[in-house]
PDB file of N, CA and C in Angstrom:
ATOM      1  N   MET A   1       6.993 142.206 -67.059  1.00  0.00           N
ATOM      2  CA  MET A   1       7.143 143.318 -66.112  1.00  0.00           C
ATOM      3  C   MET A   1       8.345 144.148 -66.553  1.00  0.00           C
ATOM      4  N   THR A   2       8.209 145.439 -66.448  1.00  0.00           N
ATOM      5  CA  THR A   2       9.274 146.342 -66.757  1.00  0.00           C
ATOM      6  C   THR A   2       9.778 147.017 -65.488  1.00  0.00           C
ATOM      7  N   ALA A   3      11.049 147.000 -65.294  1.00  0.00           N
ATOM      8  CA  ALA A   3      11.650 147.637 -64.137  1.00  0.00           C
ATOM      9  C   ALA A   3      11.922 149.102 -64.459  1.00  0.00           C
ATOM     10  N   ILE A   4      11.630 149.971 -63.523  1.00  0.00           N
ATOM     11  CA  ILE A   4      11.968 151.380 -63.652  1.00  0.00           C
ATOM     12  C   ILE A   4      12.702 151.831 -62.421  1.00  0.00           C
ATOM     13  N   THR A   5      13.504 152.829 -62.558  1.00  0.00           N
ATOM     14  CA  THR A   5      14.218 153.409 -61.430  1.00  0.00           C
ATOM     15  C   THR A   5      13.795 154.877 -61.334  1.00  0.00           C
ATOM     16  N   LEU A   6      13.338 155.249 -60.167  1.00  0.00           N
ATOM     17  CA  LEU A   6      12.964 156.642 -59.881  1.00  0.00           C
ATOM     18  C   LEU A   6      13.957 157.256 -58.943  1.00  0.00           C
ATOM     19  N   ARG A   7      14.344 158.450 -59.253  1.00  0.00           N
ATOM     20  CA  ARG A   7      15.203 159.215 -58.354  1.00  0.00           C
ATOM     21  C   ARG A   7      14.349 160.316 -57.779  1.00  0.00           C
ATOM     22  N   ILE A   8      14.156 160.240 -56.506  1.00  0.00           N
ATOM     23  CA  ILE A   8      13.314 161.238 -55.777  1.00  0.00           C
ATOM     24  C   ILE A   8      14.231 162.219 -55.074  1.00  0.00           C
ATOM     25  N   PRO A   9      14.087 163.496 -55.397  1.00  0.00           N
ATOM     26  CA  PRO A   9      14.915 164.477 -54.714  1.00  0.00           C
ATOM     27  C   PRO A   9      14.677 164.465 -53.189  1.00  0.00           C
ATOM     28  N   ASP A  10      15.714 164.695 -52.431  1.00  0.00           N
ATOM     29  CA  ASP A  10      15.591 164.737 -50.998  1.00  0.00           C
ATOM     30  C   ASP A  10      14.554 165.761 -50.547  1.00  0.00           C
ATOM     31  N   SER A  11      14.391 166.789 -51.315  1.00  0.00           N
ATOM     32  CA  SER A  11      13.422 167.871 -50.951  1.00  0.00           C
ATOM     33  C   SER A  11      11.993 167.384 -51.057  1.00  0.00           C
ATOM     34  N   MET A  12      11.719 166.283 -51.727  1.00  0.00           N
ATOM     35  CA  MET A  12      10.374 165.763 -51.851  1.00  0.00           C
ATOM     36  C   MET A  12      10.113 164.615 -50.890  1.00  0.00           C
ATOM     37  N   ASP A  13      11.101 164.167 -50.188  1.00  0.00           N
ATOM     38  CA  ASP A  13      10.971 162.998 -49.318  1.00  0.00           C
ATOM     39  C   ASP A  13       9.853 163.106 -48.271  1.00  0.00           C
ATOM     40  N   LYS A  14       9.828 164.150 -47.511  1.00  0.00           N
ATOM     41  CA  LYS A  14       8.812 164.308 -46.494  1.00  0.00           C
ATOM     42  C   LYS A  14       7.407 164.347 -47.100  1.00  0.00           C
ATOM     43  N   GLN A  15       7.227 165.144 -48.141  1.00  0.00           N
ATOM     44  CA  GLN A  15       5.894 165.242 -48.735  1.00  0.00           C
ATOM     45  C   GLN A  15       5.432 163.923 -49.288  1.00  0.00           C
ATOM     46  N   LEU A  16       6.363 163.162 -49.884  1.00  0.00           N
ATOM     47  CA  LEU A  16       5.996 161.867 -50.458  1.00  0.00           C
ATOM     48  C   LEU A  16       5.674 160.880 -49.350  1.00  0.00           C
ATOM     49  N   ARG A  17       6.446 160.894 -48.311  1.00  0.00           N
ATOM     50  CA  ARG A  17       6.154 159.976 -47.173  1.00  0.00           C
ATOM     51  C   ARG A  17       4.834 160.338 -46.509  1.00  0.00           C
ATOM     52  N   ASP A  18       4.561 161.636 -46.395  1.00  0.00           N
ATOM     53  CA  ASP A  18       3.259 162.081 -45.799  1.00  0.00           C
ATOM     54  C   ASP A  18       2.090 161.633 -46.673  1.00  0.00           C
ATOM     55  N   ALA A  19       2.233 161.763 -47.973  1.00  0.00           N
ATOM     56  CA  ALA A  19       1.174 161.350 -48.895  1.00  0.00           C
ATOM     57  C   ALA A  19       0.941 159.864 -48.853  1.00  0.00           C
ATOM     58  N   ALA A  20       2.003 159.098 -48.634  1.00  0.00           N
ATOM     59  CA  ALA A  20       1.921 157.646 -48.625  1.00  0.00           C
ATOM     60  C   ALA A  20       1.579 157.066 -47.253  1.00  0.00           C
ATOM     61  N   ALA A  21       1.257 157.896 -46.320  1.00  0.00           N
ATOM     62  CA  ALA A  21       0.998 157.415 -44.960  1.00  0.00           C
ATOM     63  C   ALA A  21      -0.042 156.329 -44.889  1.00  0.00           C
ATOM     64  N   GLY A  22      -1.065 156.407 -45.720  1.00  0.00           N
ATOM     65  CA  GLY A  22      -2.128 155.414 -45.668  1.00  0.00           C
ATOM     66  C   GLY A  22      -1.848 154.120 -46.480  1.00  0.00           C
ATOM     67  N   ALA A  23      -0.786 154.133 -47.206  1.00  0.00           N
ATOM     68  CA  ALA A  23      -0.427 152.980 -48.051  1.00  0.00           C
ATOM     69  C   ALA A  23       0.324 151.946 -47.235  1.00  0.00           C
ATOM     70  N   SER A  24       0.358 150.714 -47.760  1.00  0.00           N
ATOM     71  CA  SER A  24       1.060 149.660 -46.992  1.00  0.00           C
ATOM     72  C   SER A  24       2.584 149.900 -46.986  1.00  0.00           C
ATOM     73  N   SER A  25       3.067 150.601 -48.018  1.00  0.00           N
ATOM     74  CA  SER A  25       4.511 150.948 -48.059  1.00  0.00           C
ATOM     75  C   SER A  25       4.699 152.095 -49.018  1.00  0.00           C
ATOM     76  N   LEU A  26       5.793 152.796 -48.897  1.00  0.00           N
ATOM     77  CA  LEU A  26       6.132 153.897 -49.764  1.00  0.00           C
ATOM     78  C   LEU A  26       6.242 153.358 -51.217  1.00  0.00           C
ATOM     79  N   ASN A  27       6.878 152.208 -51.355  1.00  0.00           N
ATOM     80  CA  ASN A  27       7.067 151.605 -52.683  1.00  0.00           C
ATOM     81  C   ASN A  27       5.669 151.337 -53.303  1.00  0.00           C
ATOM     82  N   ASP A  28       4.744 150.767 -52.499  1.00  0.00           N
ATOM     83  CA  ASP A  28       3.368 150.466 -53.031  1.00  0.00           C
ATOM     84  C   ASP A  28       2.715 151.773 -53.502  1.00  0.00           C
ATOM     85  N   TYR A  29       2.859 152.818 -52.744  1.00  0.00           N
ATOM     86  CA  TYR A  29       2.237 154.087 -53.100  1.00  0.00           C
ATOM     87  C   TYR A  29       2.797 154.608 -54.410  1.00  0.00           C
ATOM     88  N   ILE A  30       4.103 154.527 -54.584  1.00  0.00           N
ATOM     89  CA  ILE A  30       4.779 154.998 -55.801  1.00  0.00           C
ATOM     90  C   ILE A  30       4.328 154.175 -56.989  1.00  0.00           C
ATOM     91  N   VAL A  31       4.293 152.843 -56.824  1.00  0.00           N
ATOM     92  CA  VAL A  31       3.906 151.947 -57.916  1.00  0.00           C
ATOM     93  C   VAL A  31       2.492 152.277 -58.360  1.00  0.00           C
ATOM     94  N   ARG A  32       1.560 152.484 -57.397  1.00  0.00           N
ATOM     95  CA  ARG A  32       0.196 152.818 -57.765  1.00  0.00           C
ATOM     96  C   ARG A  32       0.109 154.166 -58.471  1.00  0.00           C
ATOM     97  N   ALA A  33       0.905 155.093 -58.048  1.00  0.00           N
ATOM     98  CA  ALA A  33       0.889 156.456 -58.686  1.00  0.00           C
ATOM     99  C   ALA A  33       1.431 156.365 -60.093  1.00  0.00           C
ATOM    100  N   VAL A  34       2.472 155.571 -60.322  1.00  0.00           N
ATOM    101  CA  VAL A  34       3.049 155.443 -61.639  1.00  0.00           C
ATOM    102  C   VAL A  34       2.089 154.714 -62.550  1.00  0.00           C
ATOM    103  N   ARG A  35       1.385 153.685 -62.039  1.00  0.00           N
ATOM    104  CA  ARG A  35       0.390 152.979 -62.860  1.00  0.00           C
ATOM    105  C   ARG A  35      -0.735 153.931 -63.267  1.00  0.00           C
ATOM    106  N   ARG A  36      -1.199 154.740 -62.290  1.00  0.00           N
ATOM    107  CA  ARG A  36      -2.262 155.710 -62.646  1.00  0.00           C
ATOM    108  C   ARG A  36      -1.811 156.682 -63.733  1.00  0.00           C
ATOM    109  N   GLN A  37      -0.579 157.162 -63.609  1.00  0.00           N
ATOM    110  CA  GLN A  37      -0.084 158.090 -64.606  1.00  0.00           C
ATOM    111  C   GLN A  37       0.081 157.431 -65.975  1.00  0.00           C
ATOM    112  N   MET A  38       0.532 156.197 -65.997  1.00  0.00           N
ATOM    113  CA  MET A  38       0.672 155.497 -67.255  1.00  0.00           C
ATOM    114  C   MET A  38      -0.706 155.288 -67.925  1.00  0.00           C
ATOM    115  N   THR A  39      -1.737 154.989 -67.107  1.00  0.00           N
ATOM    116  CA  THR A  39      -3.093 154.853 -67.633  1.00  0.00           C
ATOM    117  C   THR A  39      -3.577 156.152 -68.205  1.00  0.00           C
ATOM    118  N   LEU A  40      -3.339 157.238 -67.503  1.00  0.00           N
ATOM    119  CA  LEU A  40      -3.743 158.557 -68.028  1.00  0.00           C
ATOM    120  C   LEU A  40      -3.007 158.895 -69.325  1.00  0.00           C
ATOM    121  N   ASP A  41      -1.736 158.624 -69.359  1.00  0.00           N
ATOM    122  CA  ASP A  41      -0.949 158.880 -70.589  1.00  0.00           C
ATOM    123  C   ASP A  41      -1.491 158.074 -71.802  1.00  0.00           C
ATOM    124  N   ALA A  42      -1.836 156.832 -71.520  1.00  0.00           N
ATOM    125  CA  ALA A  42      -2.383 155.962 -72.594  1.00  0.00           C
ATOM    126  C   ALA A  42      -3.747 156.487 -73.056  1.00  0.00           C
ATOM    127  N   ALA A  43      -4.574 156.940 -72.124  1.00  0.00           N
ATOM    128  CA  ALA A  43      -5.870 157.465 -72.487  1.00  0.00           C
ATOM    129  C   ALA A  43      -5.710 158.751 -73.324  1.00  0.00           C
ATOM    130  N   ARG A  44      -4.761 159.597 -72.979  1.00  0.00           N
ATOM    131  CA  ARG A  44      -4.524 160.823 -73.764  1.00  0.00           C
ATOM    132  C   ARG A  44      -4.090 160.452 -75.165  1.00  0.00           C
ATOM    133  N   LYS A  45      -3.270 159.442 -75.309  1.00  0.00           N
ATOM    134  CA  LYS A  45      -2.844 159.020 -76.651  1.00  0.00           C
ATOM    135  C   LYS A  45      -4.027 158.526 -77.479  1.00  0.00           C
ATOM    136  N   LEU A  46      -4.915 157.680 -76.816  1.00  0.00           N
ATOM    137  CA  LEU A  46      -6.098 157.186 -77.528  1.00  0.00           C
ATOM    138  C   LEU A  46      -7.030 158.289 -77.929  1.00  0.00           C
ATOM    139  N   THR A  47      -7.191 159.280 -77.098  1.00  0.00           N
ATOM    140  CA  THR A  47      -8.149 160.353 -77.464  1.00  0.00           C
ATOM    141  C   THR A  47      -7.600 161.245 -78.591  1.00  0.00           C
ATOM    142  N   SER A  48      -6.295 161.225 -78.794  1.00  0.00           N
ATOM    143  CA  SER A  48      -5.725 162.027 -79.848  1.00  0.00           C
ATOM    144  C   SER A  48      -5.682 161.306 -81.214  1.00  0.00           C
ATOM    145  N   MET A  49      -6.024 160.030 -81.197  1.00  0.00           N
ATOM    146  CA  MET A  49      -6.040 159.258 -82.474  1.00  0.00           C
ATOM    147  C   MET A  49      -7.281 159.598 -83.253  1.00  0.00           C
ATOM    148  N   PRO A  50      -7.221 159.561 -84.555  1.00  0.00           N
ATOM    149  CA  PRO A  50      -8.404 159.808 -85.351  1.00  0.00           C
ATOM    150  C   PRO A  50      -9.412 158.698 -85.168  1.00  0.00           C
ATOM    151  N   PRO A  51     -10.693 158.938 -85.268  1.00  0.00           N
ATOM    152  CA  PRO A  51     -11.718 157.907 -85.073  1.00  0.00           C
ATOM    153  C   PRO A  51     -11.614 156.828 -86.151  1.00  0.00           C
ATOM    154  N   LEU A  52     -11.992 155.656 -85.784  1.00  0.00           N
ATOM    155  CA  LEU A  52     -12.009 154.549 -86.727  1.00  0.00           C
ATOM    156  C   LEU A  52     -13.292 154.524 -87.515  1.00  0.00           C
ATOM    157  N   ASP A  53     -13.211 154.163 -88.747  1.00  0.00           N
ATOM    158  CA  ASP A  53     -14.384 154.057 -89.585  1.00  0.00           C
ATOM    159  C   ASP A  53     -15.014 152.659 -89.422  1.00  0.00           C
ATOM    160  N   LEU A  54     -16.044 152.570 -88.616  1.00  0.00           N
ATOM    161  CA  LEU A  54     -16.614 151.292 -88.322  1.00  0.00           C
ATOM    162  C   LEU A  54     -17.975 151.114 -88.971  1.00  0.00           C
ATOM    163  N   ALA A  55     -18.230 151.853 -90.025  1.00  0.00           N
ATOM    164  CA  ALA A  55     -19.513 151.769 -90.711  1.00  0.00           C
ATOM    165  C   ALA A  55     -19.722 150.360 -91.197  1.00  0.00           C
ATOM    166  N   GLY A  56     -20.919 149.839 -90.901  1.00  0.00           N
ATOM    167  CA  GLY A  56     -21.279 148.490 -91.322  1.00  0.00           C
ATOM    168  C   GLY A  56     -20.763 147.392 -90.400  1.00  0.00           C
ATOM    169  N   GLU A  57     -20.120 147.746 -89.340  1.00  0.00           N
ATOM    170  CA  GLU A  57     -19.606 146.747 -88.421  1.00  0.00           C
ATOM    171  C   GLU A  57     -20.664 146.224 -87.432  1.00  0.00           C
ATOM    172  N   GLY A  58     -21.713 146.962 -87.303  1.00  0.00           N
ATOM    173  CA  GLY A  58     -22.753 146.537 -86.355  1.00  0.00           C
ATOM    174  C   GLY A  58     -22.362 146.872 -84.954  1.00  0.00           C
ATOM    175  N   ASP A  59     -23.206 146.519 -84.001  1.00  0.00           N
ATOM    176  CA  ASP A  59     -22.906 146.881 -82.608  1.00  0.00           C
ATOM    177  C   ASP A  59     -22.799 145.685 -81.685  1.00  0.00           C
ATOM    178  N   THR A  60     -22.479 144.483 -82.269  1.00  0.00           N
ATOM    179  CA  THR A  60     -22.294 143.287 -81.492  1.00  0.00           C
ATOM    180  C   THR A  60     -20.842 142.920 -81.476  1.00  0.00           C
ATOM    181  N   LEU A  61     -20.456 142.275 -80.418  1.00  0.00           N
ATOM    182  CA  LEU A  61     -19.068 141.808 -80.297  1.00  0.00           C
ATOM    183  C   LEU A  61     -18.972 140.354 -80.607  1.00  0.00           C
TER     184      LEU A  61
END
């Protein structure tokens, strides 16, 4: 597990709390949002990689 520290500006507090109203906690909402963003960032990196040459590899795992 990696620990991160987020600094949320006071001006965003109300909007963030409103958005997290349905979550079990504000922390849970933020953790889920960060995980989603990390997944999207990883997907963007994968799509920017050149394709692998898998000729002759077949289609079985």
